[in-house]
N, C-alpha and C. Protein backbone atom coordinates (compact mmCIF):
# COMPACT_ATOMS: atom_id res chain seq x y z
N UNK A 1 -15.02 -7.33 -12.51
CA UNK A 1 -13.67 -6.80 -12.40
C UNK A 1 -12.70 -7.94 -12.07
N UNK A 2 -11.58 -7.94 -12.73
CA UNK A 2 -10.59 -8.99 -12.54
C UNK A 2 -9.86 -8.81 -11.21
N UNK A 3 -9.67 -9.93 -10.52
CA UNK A 3 -8.99 -9.92 -9.24
C UNK A 3 -7.53 -10.33 -9.47
N UNK A 4 -6.62 -9.45 -9.10
CA UNK A 4 -5.19 -9.69 -9.31
C UNK A 4 -4.47 -10.10 -8.01
N UNK A 5 -5.21 -10.42 -6.96
CA UNK A 5 -4.60 -10.75 -5.68
C UNK A 5 -3.60 -11.90 -5.78
N UNK A 6 -3.97 -12.96 -6.49
CA UNK A 6 -3.08 -14.11 -6.59
C UNK A 6 -1.82 -13.76 -7.36
N UNK A 7 -1.97 -13.02 -8.45
CA UNK A 7 -0.80 -12.58 -9.23
C UNK A 7 0.10 -11.69 -8.38
N UNK A 8 -0.49 -10.78 -7.62
CA UNK A 8 0.30 -9.92 -6.73
C UNK A 8 1.06 -10.74 -5.70
N UNK A 9 0.39 -11.75 -5.14
CA UNK A 9 1.04 -12.61 -4.14
C UNK A 9 2.20 -13.38 -4.76
N UNK A 10 2.01 -13.88 -5.97
CA UNK A 10 3.09 -14.61 -6.64
C UNK A 10 4.27 -13.70 -6.94
N UNK A 11 4.00 -12.48 -7.37
CA UNK A 11 5.09 -11.53 -7.66
C UNK A 11 5.84 -11.17 -6.38
N UNK A 12 5.12 -11.02 -5.29
CA UNK A 12 5.77 -10.74 -4.00
C UNK A 12 6.63 -11.91 -3.57
N UNK A 13 6.09 -13.11 -3.76
CA UNK A 13 6.85 -14.33 -3.41
C UNK A 13 8.13 -14.39 -4.23
N UNK A 14 8.04 -14.08 -5.52
CA UNK A 14 9.22 -14.11 -6.38
C UNK A 14 10.28 -13.14 -5.87
N UNK A 15 9.85 -11.96 -5.48
CA UNK A 15 10.80 -10.98 -4.93
C UNK A 15 11.48 -11.48 -3.67
N UNK A 16 10.69 -12.10 -2.79
CA UNK A 16 11.27 -12.64 -1.55
C UNK A 16 12.25 -13.77 -1.85
N UNK A 17 11.90 -14.64 -2.80
CA UNK A 17 12.79 -15.75 -3.14
C UNK A 17 14.10 -15.24 -3.74
N UNK A 18 14.02 -14.20 -4.54
CA UNK A 18 15.25 -13.62 -5.11
C UNK A 18 16.11 -13.00 -4.01
N UNK A 19 15.48 -12.37 -3.04
CA UNK A 19 16.23 -11.81 -1.91
C UNK A 19 16.89 -12.93 -1.10
N UNK A 20 16.15 -14.02 -0.90
CA UNK A 20 16.72 -15.16 -0.18
C UNK A 20 17.87 -15.78 -0.94
N UNK A 21 17.77 -15.82 -2.27
CA UNK A 21 18.87 -16.33 -3.09
C UNK A 21 20.12 -15.48 -2.90
N UNK A 22 19.95 -14.18 -2.84
CA UNK A 22 21.10 -13.29 -2.65
C UNK A 22 21.76 -13.51 -1.29
N UNK A 23 21.00 -13.99 -0.32
CA UNK A 23 21.53 -14.24 1.02
C UNK A 23 22.01 -15.68 1.21
N UNK A 24 21.75 -16.53 0.24
CA UNK A 24 22.08 -17.95 0.38
C UNK A 24 23.59 -18.14 0.47
N UNK A 25 23.97 -19.06 1.32
CA UNK A 25 25.40 -19.31 1.56
C UNK A 25 25.87 -20.65 1.00
N UNK A 26 25.08 -21.70 1.17
CA UNK A 26 25.53 -23.03 0.77
C UNK A 26 25.04 -23.36 -0.64
N UNK A 27 25.71 -24.33 -1.25
CA UNK A 27 25.33 -24.77 -2.60
C UNK A 27 23.92 -25.34 -2.60
N UNK A 28 23.58 -26.09 -1.54
CA UNK A 28 22.23 -26.66 -1.46
C UNK A 28 21.17 -25.57 -1.36
N UNK A 29 21.44 -24.57 -0.55
CA UNK A 29 20.48 -23.48 -0.40
C UNK A 29 20.33 -22.70 -1.70
N UNK A 30 21.42 -22.46 -2.39
CA UNK A 30 21.37 -21.76 -3.67
C UNK A 30 20.56 -22.57 -4.68
N UNK A 31 20.80 -23.86 -4.76
CA UNK A 31 20.06 -24.73 -5.68
C UNK A 31 18.57 -24.72 -5.34
N UNK A 32 18.26 -24.79 -4.05
CA UNK A 32 16.86 -24.78 -3.62
C UNK A 32 16.18 -23.47 -4.02
N UNK A 33 16.84 -22.36 -3.77
CA UNK A 33 16.26 -21.06 -4.11
C UNK A 33 16.09 -20.90 -5.61
N UNK A 34 17.03 -21.40 -6.40
CA UNK A 34 16.90 -21.33 -7.86
C UNK A 34 15.69 -22.14 -8.33
N UNK A 35 15.47 -23.31 -7.71
CA UNK A 35 14.29 -24.12 -8.06
C UNK A 35 13.01 -23.40 -7.67
N UNK A 36 12.99 -22.77 -6.50
CA UNK A 36 11.81 -22.04 -6.05
C UNK A 36 11.50 -20.87 -6.99
N UNK A 37 12.53 -20.17 -7.43
CA UNK A 37 12.35 -19.05 -8.36
C UNK A 37 11.78 -19.56 -9.69
N UNK A 38 12.32 -20.67 -10.17
CA UNK A 38 11.83 -21.24 -11.42
C UNK A 38 10.36 -21.64 -11.31
N UNK A 39 9.99 -22.28 -10.21
CA UNK A 39 8.60 -22.68 -9.99
C UNK A 39 7.70 -21.45 -9.90
N UNK A 40 8.14 -20.45 -9.20
CA UNK A 40 7.34 -19.23 -9.03
C UNK A 40 7.15 -18.52 -10.38
N UNK A 41 8.19 -18.44 -11.17
CA UNK A 41 8.07 -17.81 -12.49
C UNK A 41 7.10 -18.58 -13.38
N UNK A 42 7.12 -19.92 -13.27
CA UNK A 42 6.18 -20.74 -14.03
C UNK A 42 4.74 -20.48 -13.56
N UNK A 43 4.55 -20.36 -12.26
CA UNK A 43 3.22 -20.07 -11.72
C UNK A 43 2.73 -18.70 -12.19
N UNK A 44 3.62 -17.73 -12.24
CA UNK A 44 3.25 -16.38 -12.70
C UNK A 44 2.82 -16.43 -14.16
N UNK A 45 3.55 -17.17 -14.99
CA UNK A 45 3.15 -17.31 -16.40
C UNK A 45 1.78 -17.94 -16.50
N UNK A 46 1.53 -18.95 -15.69
CA UNK A 46 0.22 -19.60 -15.69
C UNK A 46 -0.88 -18.66 -15.24
N UNK A 47 -0.59 -17.83 -14.27
CA UNK A 47 -1.59 -16.88 -13.78
C UNK A 47 -1.91 -15.83 -14.83
N UNK A 48 -0.88 -15.35 -15.54
CA UNK A 48 -1.12 -14.42 -16.65
C UNK A 48 -2.04 -15.07 -17.69
N UNK A 49 -1.75 -16.33 -18.02
CA UNK A 49 -2.57 -17.04 -19.00
C UNK A 49 -4.00 -17.19 -18.49
N UNK A 50 -4.15 -17.57 -17.22
CA UNK A 50 -5.47 -17.73 -16.62
C UNK A 50 -6.27 -16.43 -16.67
N UNK A 51 -5.59 -15.32 -16.41
CA UNK A 51 -6.25 -14.02 -16.40
C UNK A 51 -6.45 -13.45 -17.81
N UNK A 52 -5.82 -14.08 -18.79
CA UNK A 52 -5.93 -13.60 -20.17
C UNK A 52 -5.15 -12.32 -20.41
N UNK A 53 -4.03 -12.19 -19.71
CA UNK A 53 -3.21 -10.99 -19.81
C UNK A 53 -1.90 -11.34 -20.53
N UNK A 54 -1.50 -10.49 -21.44
CA UNK A 54 -0.20 -10.64 -22.08
C UNK A 54 0.75 -9.67 -21.38
N UNK A 55 1.79 -10.18 -20.70
CA UNK A 55 2.72 -9.28 -20.01
C UNK A 55 3.40 -8.33 -20.99
N UNK A 56 3.61 -7.11 -20.55
CA UNK A 56 4.30 -6.12 -21.37
C UNK A 56 5.78 -6.42 -21.42
N UNK A 57 6.40 -6.12 -22.55
CA UNK A 57 7.84 -6.25 -22.67
C UNK A 57 8.50 -4.99 -22.13
N UNK A 58 9.78 -5.06 -21.90
CA UNK A 58 10.51 -3.89 -21.41
C UNK A 58 10.41 -2.74 -22.41
N UNK A 59 10.45 -3.05 -23.70
CA UNK A 59 10.34 -2.01 -24.72
C UNK A 59 8.99 -1.30 -24.67
N UNK A 60 7.95 -2.03 -24.30
CA UNK A 60 6.62 -1.43 -24.20
C UNK A 60 6.47 -0.58 -22.93
N UNK A 61 7.25 -0.88 -21.92
CA UNK A 61 7.14 -0.18 -20.65
C UNK A 61 8.03 1.05 -20.60
N UNK A 62 9.26 0.92 -21.10
CA UNK A 62 10.24 1.99 -20.98
C UNK A 62 9.87 3.20 -21.82
N UNK A 63 10.15 4.37 -21.26
CA UNK A 63 9.92 5.64 -21.97
C UNK A 63 11.18 6.48 -21.84
N UNK A 64 11.36 7.33 -22.82
CA UNK A 64 12.44 8.30 -22.71
C UNK A 64 11.99 9.39 -21.73
N UNK A 65 12.90 10.20 -21.31
CA UNK A 65 12.56 11.31 -20.41
C UNK A 65 11.54 12.24 -21.06
N UNK A 66 11.72 12.49 -22.33
CA UNK A 66 10.80 13.39 -23.05
C UNK A 66 9.40 12.77 -23.11
N UNK A 67 9.32 11.48 -23.43
CA UNK A 67 8.02 10.81 -23.47
C UNK A 67 7.33 10.84 -22.10
N UNK A 68 8.11 10.61 -21.06
CA UNK A 68 7.57 10.64 -19.71
C UNK A 68 7.03 12.01 -19.36
N UNK A 69 7.81 13.04 -19.64
CA UNK A 69 7.35 14.40 -19.36
C UNK A 69 6.09 14.74 -20.15
N UNK A 70 6.04 14.33 -21.41
CA UNK A 70 4.84 14.56 -22.22
C UNK A 70 3.63 13.88 -21.63
N UNK A 71 3.78 12.65 -21.14
CA UNK A 71 2.66 11.94 -20.51
C UNK A 71 2.23 12.62 -19.22
N UNK A 72 3.19 13.10 -18.46
CA UNK A 72 2.86 13.77 -17.19
C UNK A 72 2.17 15.11 -17.42
N UNK A 73 2.50 15.75 -18.53
CA UNK A 73 1.90 17.05 -18.83
C UNK A 73 0.50 16.92 -19.45
N UNK A 74 0.20 15.74 -19.97
CA UNK A 74 -1.10 15.54 -20.64
C UNK A 74 -2.25 15.51 -19.65
C-alpha cells in the first residue's frame, strides 16, 4: 500500500506558507514566503512523480449538482 504521509505533510506545509504569505507585512517577508511556496510546490510535483500519481485537474474533480446527487444516490 502506498504511503502518502510525505505528500500530506507537503500539502499541509503549502497551506501554512500561503497563510503566512497572507499575513506578511514587509517586502522581504513577502518575497521569502513566495520563494517558500514555489519550493513547496516543486517538492509536491516531485512527490507526485515519485509516487507515480498524476494529479487530477479541476475539470476532473468538479461535478455539477446533478452529478453529485447522482453519485450520492448510487
